[in-house]
Amino acid sequence: FTCLALGRMPEGMRNLGTYCLRYEAQTYGYTF
C-alpha cells in the first residue's frame, strides 16, 4: 500500500524487512 501511494519503500520498513531476510538467509545457510 505504501509503495503504491508513495512510489518508494520507507527506509525503516525496508531495513526491518532486510533484517528479517538476513536472518532467514543465515538460517538456510546453517541448515544447508
ModelCIF file with pLDDT and N, C-alpha, C, O atoms, coordinates in Angstrom:
data_MODEL
#
_entry.id   MODEL 
#
_entity.id                         1 
_entity.type                       polymer 
_entity.pdbx_number_of_molecules   1 
#
_entity_poly.entity_id                      1 
_entity_poly.type                           'polypeptide(L)' 
_entity_poly.nstd_linkage                   no 
_entity_poly.nstd_monomer                   no 
_entity_poly.pdbx_seq_one_letter_code       FTCLALGRMPEGMRNLGTYCLRYEAQTYGYTF 
_entity_poly.pdbx_seq_one_letter_code_can   FTCLALGRMPEGMRNLGTYCLRYEAQTYGYTF 
_entity_poly.pdbx_strand_id                 A 
#
loop_
_entity_poly_seq.entity_id 
_entity_poly_seq.num 
_entity_poly_seq.mon_id 
_entity_poly_seq.hetero 
1 1  PHE n 
1 2  THR n 
1 3  CYS n 
1 4  LEU n 
1 5  ALA n 
1 6  LEU n 
1 7  GLY n 
1 8  ARG n 
1 9  MET n 
1 10 PRO n 
1 11 GLU n 
1 12 GLY n 
1 13 MET n 
1 14 ARG n 
1 15 ASN n 
1 16 LEU n 
1 17 GLY n 
1 18 THR n 
1 19 TYR n 
1 20 CYS n 
1 21 LEU n 
1 22 ARG n 
1 23 TYR n 
1 24 GLU n 
1 25 ALA n 
1 26 GLN n 
1 27 THR n 
1 28 TYR n 
1 29 GLY n 
1 30 TYR n 
1 31 THR n 
1 32 PHE n 
#
_struct_asym.id          A 
_struct_asym.entity_id   1 
#
loop_
_ma_qa_metric.id 
_ma_qa_metric.mode 
_ma_qa_metric.name 
_ma_qa_metric.software_group_id 
_ma_qa_metric.type 
1 global pLDDT . pLDDT 
2 local  pLDDT . pLDDT 
#
_ma_qa_metric_global.metric_id      1 
_ma_qa_metric_global.metric_value   96.03 
_ma_qa_metric_global.model_id       1 
_ma_qa_metric_global.ordinal_id     1 
#
loop_
_ma_qa_metric_local.label_asym_id 
_ma_qa_metric_local.label_comp_id 
_ma_qa_metric_local.label_seq_id 
_ma_qa_metric_local.metric_id 
_ma_qa_metric_local.metric_value 
_ma_qa_metric_local.model_id 
_ma_qa_metric_local.ordinal_id 
A PHE 1  2 97.00 1 1  
A THR 2  2 96.00 1 2  
A CYS 3  2 96.00 1 3  
A LEU 4  2 96.00 1 4  
A ALA 5  2 96.00 1 5  
A LEU 6  2 95.00 1 6  
A GLY 7  2 94.00 1 7  
A ARG 8  2 95.00 1 8  
A MET 9  2 96.00 1 9  
A PRO 10 2 96.00 1 10 
A GLU 11 2 95.00 1 11 
A GLY 12 2 95.00 1 12 
A MET 13 2 96.00 1 13 
A ARG 14 2 96.00 1 14 
A ASN 15 2 95.00 1 15 
A LEU 16 2 97.00 1 16 
A GLY 17 2 96.00 1 17 
A THR 18 2 96.00 1 18 
A TYR 19 2 96.00 1 19 
A CYS 20 2 97.00 1 20 
A LEU 21 2 97.00 1 21 
A ARG 22 2 96.00 1 22 
A TYR 23 2 97.00 1 23 
A GLU 24 2 97.00 1 24 
A ALA 25 2 96.00 1 25 
A GLN 26 2 96.00 1 26 
A THR 27 2 97.00 1 27 
A TYR 28 2 97.00 1 28 
A GLY 29 2 96.00 1 29 
A TYR 30 2 96.00 1 30 
A THR 31 2 96.00 1 31 
A PHE 32 2 96.00 1 32 
#
loop_
_atom_site.group_PDB 
_atom_site.id 
_atom_site.type_symbol 
_atom_site.label_atom_id 
_atom_site.label_alt_id 
_atom_site.label_comp_id 
_atom_site.label_asym_id 
_atom_site.label_entity_id 
_atom_site.label_seq_id 
_atom_site.pdbx_PDB_ins_code 
_atom_site.Cartn_x 
_atom_site.Cartn_y 
_atom_site.Cartn_z 
_atom_site.occupancy 
_atom_site.B_iso_or_equiv 
_atom_site.pdbx_formal_charge 
_atom_site.auth_seq_id 
_atom_site.auth_comp_id 
_atom_site.auth_asym_id 
_atom_site.auth_atom_id 
_atom_site.pdbx_PDB_model_num 
ATOM 1   N N  . PHE A 1 1  ? 0.827  -1.210  0.000  1.00 97.00 ? 1  PHE A N  1 
ATOM 2   C CA . PHE A 1 1  ? 0.000  0.000   0.000  1.00 97.00 ? 1  PHE A CA 1 
ATOM 3   C C  . PHE A 1 1  ? 0.864  1.264   0.000  1.00 97.00 ? 1  PHE A C  1 
ATOM 4   O O  . PHE A 1 1  ? 0.576  2.225   -0.713 1.00 97.00 ? 1  PHE A O  1 
ATOM 5   N N  . THR A 1 2  ? 1.911  1.247   0.799  1.00 96.00 ? 2  THR A N  1 
ATOM 6   C CA . THR A 1 2  ? 2.797  2.409   0.894  1.00 96.00 ? 2  THR A CA 1 
ATOM 7   C C  . THR A 1 2  ? 3.500  2.683   -0.431 1.00 96.00 ? 2  THR A C  1 
ATOM 8   O O  . THR A 1 2  ? 3.576  3.829   -0.873 1.00 96.00 ? 2  THR A O  1 
ATOM 9   N N  . CYS A 1 3  ? 4.012  1.629   -1.063 1.00 96.00 ? 3  CYS A N  1 
ATOM 10  C CA . CYS A 1 3  ? 4.716  1.805   -2.341 1.00 96.00 ? 3  CYS A CA 1 
ATOM 11  C C  . CYS A 1 3  ? 3.767  2.266   -3.443 1.00 96.00 ? 3  CYS A C  1 
ATOM 12  O O  . CYS A 1 3  ? 4.158  3.047   -4.312 1.00 96.00 ? 3  CYS A O  1 
ATOM 13  N N  . LEU A 1 4  ? 2.530  1.791   -3.413 1.00 96.00 ? 4  LEU A N  1 
ATOM 14  C CA . LEU A 1 4  ? 1.556  2.279   -4.396 1.00 96.00 ? 4  LEU A CA 1 
ATOM 15  C C  . LEU A 1 4  ? 1.282  3.759   -4.193 1.00 96.00 ? 4  LEU A C  1 
ATOM 16  O O  . LEU A 1 4  ? 1.144  4.509   -5.160 1.00 96.00 ? 4  LEU A O  1 
ATOM 17  N N  . ALA A 1 5  ? 1.206  4.174   -2.950 1.00 96.00 ? 5  ALA A N  1 
ATOM 18  C CA . ALA A 1 5  ? 0.899  5.579   -2.651 1.00 96.00 ? 5  ALA A CA 1 
ATOM 19  C C  . ALA A 1 5  ? 2.101  6.489   -2.881 1.00 96.00 ? 5  ALA A C  1 
ATOM 20  O O  . ALA A 1 5  ? 1.962  7.559   -3.473 1.00 96.00 ? 5  ALA A O  1 
ATOM 21  N N  . LEU A 1 6  ? 3.287  6.072   -2.417 1.00 95.00 ? 6  LEU A N  1 
ATOM 22  C CA . LEU A 1 6  ? 4.459  6.948   -2.429 1.00 95.00 ? 6  LEU A CA 1 
ATOM 23  C C  . LEU A 1 6  ? 5.439  6.693   -3.578 1.00 95.00 ? 6  LEU A C  1 
ATOM 24  O O  . LEU A 1 6  ? 6.223  7.569   -3.941 1.00 95.00 ? 6  LEU A O  1 
ATOM 25  N N  . GLY A 1 7  ? 5.386  5.483   -4.146 1.00 94.00 ? 7  GLY A N  1 
ATOM 26  C CA . GLY A 1 7  ? 6.365  5.127   -5.170 1.00 94.00 ? 7  GLY A CA 1 
ATOM 27  C C  . GLY A 1 7  ? 7.731  4.791   -4.598 1.00 94.00 ? 7  GLY A C  1 
ATOM 28  O O  . GLY A 1 7  ? 8.722  4.754   -5.328 1.00 94.00 ? 7  GLY A O  1 
ATOM 29  N N  . ARG A 1 8  ? 7.786  4.549   -3.311 1.00 95.00 ? 8  ARG A N  1 
ATOM 30  C CA . ARG A 1 8  ? 9.046  4.161   -2.659 1.00 95.00 ? 8  ARG A CA 1 
ATOM 31  C C  . ARG A 1 8  ? 8.729  3.392   -1.388 1.00 95.00 ? 8  ARG A C  1 
ATOM 32  O O  . ARG A 1 8  ? 7.634  3.492   -0.836 1.00 95.00 ? 8  ARG A O  1 
ATOM 33  N N  . MET A 1 9  ? 9.698  2.633   -0.942 1.00 96.00 ? 9  MET A N  1 
ATOM 34  C CA . MET A 1 9  ? 9.579  1.884   0.309  1.00 96.00 ? 9  MET A CA 1 
ATOM 35  C C  . MET A 1 9  ? 10.216 2.724   1.410  1.00 96.00 ? 9  MET A C  1 
ATOM 36  O O  . MET A 1 9  ? 11.366 3.139   1.273  1.00 96.00 ? 9  MET A O  1 
ATOM 37  N N  . PRO A 1 10 ? 9.489  2.984   2.508  1.00 96.00 ? 10 PRO A N  1 
ATOM 38  C CA . PRO A 1 10 ? 10.097 3.732   3.612  1.00 96.00 ? 10 PRO A CA 1 
ATOM 39  C C  . PRO A 1 10 ? 11.346 3.019   4.143  1.00 96.00 ? 10 PRO A C  1 
ATOM 40  O O  . PRO A 1 10 ? 11.391 1.791   4.208  1.00 96.00 ? 10 PRO A O  1 
ATOM 41  N N  . GLU A 1 11 ? 12.331 3.788   4.510  1.00 95.00 ? 11 GLU A N  1 
ATOM 42  C CA . GLU A 1 11 ? 13.618 3.236   4.930  1.00 95.00 ? 11 GLU A CA 1 
ATOM 43  C C  . GLU A 1 11 ? 13.488 2.297   6.129  1.00 95.00 ? 11 GLU A C  1 
ATOM 44  O O  . GLU A 1 11 ? 14.096 1.226   6.139  1.00 95.00 ? 11 GLU A O  1 
ATOM 45  N N  . GLY A 1 12 ? 12.714 2.679   7.127  1.00 95.00 ? 12 GLY A N  1 
ATOM 46  C CA . GLY A 1 12 ? 12.555 1.833   8.314  1.00 95.00 ? 12 GLY A CA 1 
ATOM 47  C C  . GLY A 1 12 ? 11.928 0.492   7.984  1.00 95.00 ? 12 GLY A C  1 
ATOM 48  O O  . GLY A 1 12 ? 12.362 -0.539  8.499  1.00 95.00 ? 12 GLY A O  1 
ATOM 49  N N  . MET A 1 13 ? 10.914 0.492   7.131  1.00 96.00 ? 13 MET A N  1 
ATOM 50  C CA . MET A 1 13 ? 10.277 -0.768  6.731  1.00 96.00 ? 13 MET A CA 1 
ATOM 51  C C  . MET A 1 13 ? 11.248 -1.631  5.934  1.00 96.00 ? 13 MET A C  1 
ATOM 52  O O  . MET A 1 13 ? 11.320 -2.844  6.131  1.00 96.00 ? 13 MET A O  1 
ATOM 53  N N  . ARG A 1 14 ? 11.996 -0.996  5.031  1.00 96.00 ? 14 ARG A N  1 
ATOM 54  C CA . ARG A 1 14 ? 12.964 -1.750  4.240  1.00 96.00 ? 14 ARG A CA 1 
ATOM 55  C C  . ARG A 1 14 ? 14.053 -2.338  5.135  1.00 96.00 ? 14 ARG A C  1 
ATOM 56  O O  . ARG A 1 14 ? 14.448 -3.491  4.959  1.00 96.00 ? 14 ARG A O  1 
ATOM 57  N N  . ASN A 1 15 ? 14.534 -1.556  6.085  1.00 95.00 ? 15 ASN A N  1 
ATOM 58  C CA . ASN A 1 15 ? 15.595 -2.035  6.969  1.00 95.00 ? 15 ASN A CA 1 
ATOM 59  C C  . ASN A 1 15 ? 15.126 -3.175  7.862  1.00 95.00 ? 15 ASN A C  1 
ATOM 60  O O  . ASN A 1 15 ? 15.852 -4.151  8.053  1.00 95.00 ? 15 ASN A O  1 
ATOM 61  N N  . LEU A 1 16 ? 13.914 -3.063  8.413  1.00 97.00 ? 16 LEU A N  1 
ATOM 62  C CA . LEU A 1 16 ? 13.378 -4.158  9.219  1.00 97.00 ? 16 LEU A CA 1 
ATOM 63  C C  . LEU A 1 16 ? 13.167 -5.398  8.353  1.00 97.00 ? 16 LEU A C  1 
ATOM 64  O O  . LEU A 1 16 ? 13.451 -6.516  8.785  1.00 97.00 ? 16 LEU A O  1 
ATOM 65  N N  . GLY A 1 17 ? 12.674 -5.204  7.142  1.00 96.00 ? 17 GLY A N  1 
ATOM 66  C CA . GLY A 1 17 ? 12.477 -6.328  6.224  1.00 96.00 ? 17 GLY A CA 1 
ATOM 67  C C  . GLY A 1 17 ? 13.782 -7.011  5.868  1.00 96.00 ? 17 GLY A C  1 
ATOM 68  O O  . GLY A 1 17 ? 13.847 -8.240  5.830  1.00 96.00 ? 17 GLY A O  1 
ATOM 69  N N  . THR A 1 18 ? 14.823 -6.235  5.607  1.00 96.00 ? 18 THR A N  1 
ATOM 70  C CA . THR A 1 18 ? 16.108 -6.852  5.267  1.00 96.00 ? 18 THR A CA 1 
ATOM 71  C C  . THR A 1 18 ? 16.737 -7.536  6.485  1.00 96.00 ? 18 THR A C  1 
ATOM 72  O O  . THR A 1 18 ? 17.467 -8.515  6.334  1.00 96.00 ? 18 THR A O  1 
ATOM 73  N N  . TYR A 1 19 ? 16.460 -7.031  7.684  1.00 96.00 ? 19 TYR A N  1 
ATOM 74  C CA . TYR A 1 19 ? 16.916 -7.708  8.902  1.00 96.00 ? 19 TYR A CA 1 
ATOM 75  C C  . TYR A 1 19 ? 16.291 -9.107  8.980  1.00 96.00 ? 19 TYR A C  1 
ATOM 76  O O  . TYR A 1 19 ? 16.979 -10.094 9.241  1.00 96.00 ? 19 TYR A O  1 
ATOM 77  N N  . CYS A 1 20 ? 14.984 -9.173  8.752  1.00 97.00 ? 20 CYS A N  1 
ATOM 78  C CA . CYS A 1 20 ? 14.278 -10.462 8.768  1.00 97.00 ? 20 CYS A CA 1 
ATOM 79  C C  . CYS A 1 20 ? 14.820 -11.377 7.681  1.00 97.00 ? 20 CYS A C  1 
ATOM 80  O O  . CYS A 1 20 ? 15.026 -12.570 7.905  1.00 97.00 ? 20 CYS A O  1 
ATOM 81  N N  . LEU A 1 21 ? 15.048 -10.814 6.510  1.00 97.00 ? 21 LEU A N  1 
ATOM 82  C CA . LEU A 1 21 ? 15.541 -11.589 5.375  1.00 97.00 ? 21 LEU A CA 1 
ATOM 83  C C  . LEU A 1 21 ? 16.954 -12.114 5.629  1.00 97.00 ? 21 LEU A C  1 
ATOM 84  O O  . LEU A 1 21 ? 17.272 -13.246 5.264  1.00 97.00 ? 21 LEU A O  1 
ATOM 85  N N  . ARG A 1 22 ? 17.791 -11.303 6.245  1.00 96.00 ? 22 ARG A N  1 
ATOM 86  C CA . ARG A 1 22 ? 19.160 -11.730 6.556  1.00 96.00 ? 22 ARG A CA 1 
ATOM 87  C C  . ARG A 1 22 ? 19.155 -12.920 7.510  1.00 96.00 ? 22 ARG A C  1 
ATOM 88  O O  . ARG A 1 22 ? 19.894 -13.885 7.321  1.00 96.00 ? 22 ARG A O  1 
ATOM 89  N N  . TYR A 1 23 ? 18.313 -12.838 8.536  1.00 97.00 ? 23 TYR A N  1 
ATOM 90  C CA . TYR A 1 23 ? 18.249 -13.946 9.483  1.00 97.00 ? 23 TYR A CA 1 
ATOM 91  C C  . TYR A 1 23 ? 17.762 -15.216 8.784  1.00 97.00 ? 23 TYR A C  1 
ATOM 92  O O  . TYR A 1 23 ? 18.268 -16.308 9.041  1.00 97.00 ? 23 TYR A O  1 
ATOM 93  N N  . GLU A 1 24 ? 16.790 -15.065 7.910  1.00 97.00 ? 24 GLU A N  1 
ATOM 94  C CA . GLU A 1 24 ? 16.290 -16.229 7.166  1.00 97.00 ? 24 GLU A CA 1 
ATOM 95  C C  . GLU A 1 24 ? 17.391 -16.824 6.284  1.00 97.00 ? 24 GLU A C  1 
ATOM 96  O O  . GLU A 1 24 ? 17.547 -18.044 6.235  1.00 97.00 ? 24 GLU A O  1 
ATOM 97  N N  . ALA A 1 25 ? 18.151 -15.980 5.591  1.00 96.00 ? 25 ALA A N  1 
ATOM 98  C CA . ALA A 1 25 ? 19.241 -16.461 4.740  1.00 96.00 ? 25 ALA A CA 1 
ATOM 99  C C  . ALA A 1 25 ? 20.303 -17.183 5.577  1.00 96.00 ? 25 ALA A C  1 
ATOM 100 O O  . ALA A 1 25 ? 20.832 -18.211 5.158  1.00 96.00 ? 25 ALA A O  1 
ATOM 101 N N  . GLN A 1 26 ? 20.610 -16.646 6.752  1.00 96.00 ? 26 GLN A N  1 
ATOM 102 C CA . GLN A 1 26 ? 21.584 -17.304 7.626  1.00 96.00 ? 26 GLN A CA 1 
ATOM 103 C C  . GLN A 1 26 ? 21.047 -18.642 8.134  1.00 96.00 ? 26 GLN A C  1 
ATOM 104 O O  . GLN A 1 26 ? 21.806 -19.596 8.307  1.00 96.00 ? 26 GLN A O  1 
ATOM 105 N N  . THR A 1 27 ? 19.754 -18.707 8.369  1.00 97.00 ? 27 THR A N  1 
ATOM 106 C CA . THR A 1 27 ? 19.153 -19.967 8.829  1.00 97.00 ? 27 THR A CA 1 
ATOM 107 C C  . THR A 1 27 ? 19.210 -21.017 7.726  1.00 97.00 ? 27 THR A C  1 
ATOM 108 O O  . THR A 1 27 ? 19.545 -22.173 7.985  1.00 97.00 ? 27 THR A O  1 
ATOM 109 N N  . TYR A 1 28 ? 18.884 -20.620 6.498  1.00 97.00 ? 28 TYR A N  1 
ATOM 110 C CA . TYR A 1 28 ? 19.030 -21.553 5.372  1.00 97.00 ? 28 TYR A CA 1 
ATOM 111 C C  . TYR A 1 28 ? 20.485 -21.971 5.222  1.00 97.00 ? 28 TYR A C  1 
ATOM 112 O O  . TYR A 1 28 ? 20.777 -23.149 5.020  1.00 97.00 ? 28 TYR A O  1 
ATOM 113 N N  . GLY A 1 29 ? 21.390 -21.018 5.319  1.00 96.00 ? 29 GLY A N  1 
ATOM 114 C CA . GLY A 1 29 ? 22.808 -21.332 5.189  1.00 96.00 ? 29 GLY A CA 1 
ATOM 115 C C  . GLY A 1 29 ? 23.290 -22.302 6.252  1.00 96.00 ? 29 GLY A C  1 
ATOM 116 O O  . GLY A 1 29 ? 24.081 -23.201 5.966  1.00 96.00 ? 29 GLY A O  1 
ATOM 117 N N  . TYR A 1 30 ? 22.820 -22.125 7.467  1.00 96.00 ? 30 TYR A N  1 
ATOM 118 C CA . TYR A 1 30 ? 23.178 -23.039 8.551  1.00 96.00 ? 30 TYR A CA 1 
ATOM 119 C C  . TYR A 1 30 ? 22.592 -24.424 8.300  1.00 96.00 ? 30 TYR A C  1 
ATOM 120 O O  . TYR A 1 30 ? 23.280 -25.434 8.450  1.00 96.00 ? 30 TYR A O  1 
ATOM 121 N N  . THR A 1 31 ? 21.335 -24.465 7.923  1.00 96.00 ? 31 THR A N  1 
ATOM 122 C CA . THR A 1 31 ? 20.663 -25.745 7.683  1.00 96.00 ? 31 THR A CA 1 
ATOM 123 C C  . THR A 1 31 ? 21.288 -26.491 6.511  1.00 96.00 ? 31 THR A C  1 
ATOM 124 O O  . THR A 1 31 ? 21.461 -27.708 6.570  1.00 96.00 ? 31 THR A O  1 
ATOM 125 N N  . PHE A 1 32 ? 21.627 -25.769 5.447  1.00 96.00 ? 32 PHE A N  1 
ATOM 126 C CA . PHE A 1 32 ? 22.195 -26.380 4.236  1.00 96.00 ? 32 PHE A CA 1 
ATOM 127 C C  . PHE A 1 32 ? 23.715 -26.520 4.298  1.00 96.00 ? 32 PHE A C  1 
ATOM 128 O O  . PHE A 1 32 ? 24.329 -27.016 3.353  1.00 96.00 ? 32 PHE A O  1 
#
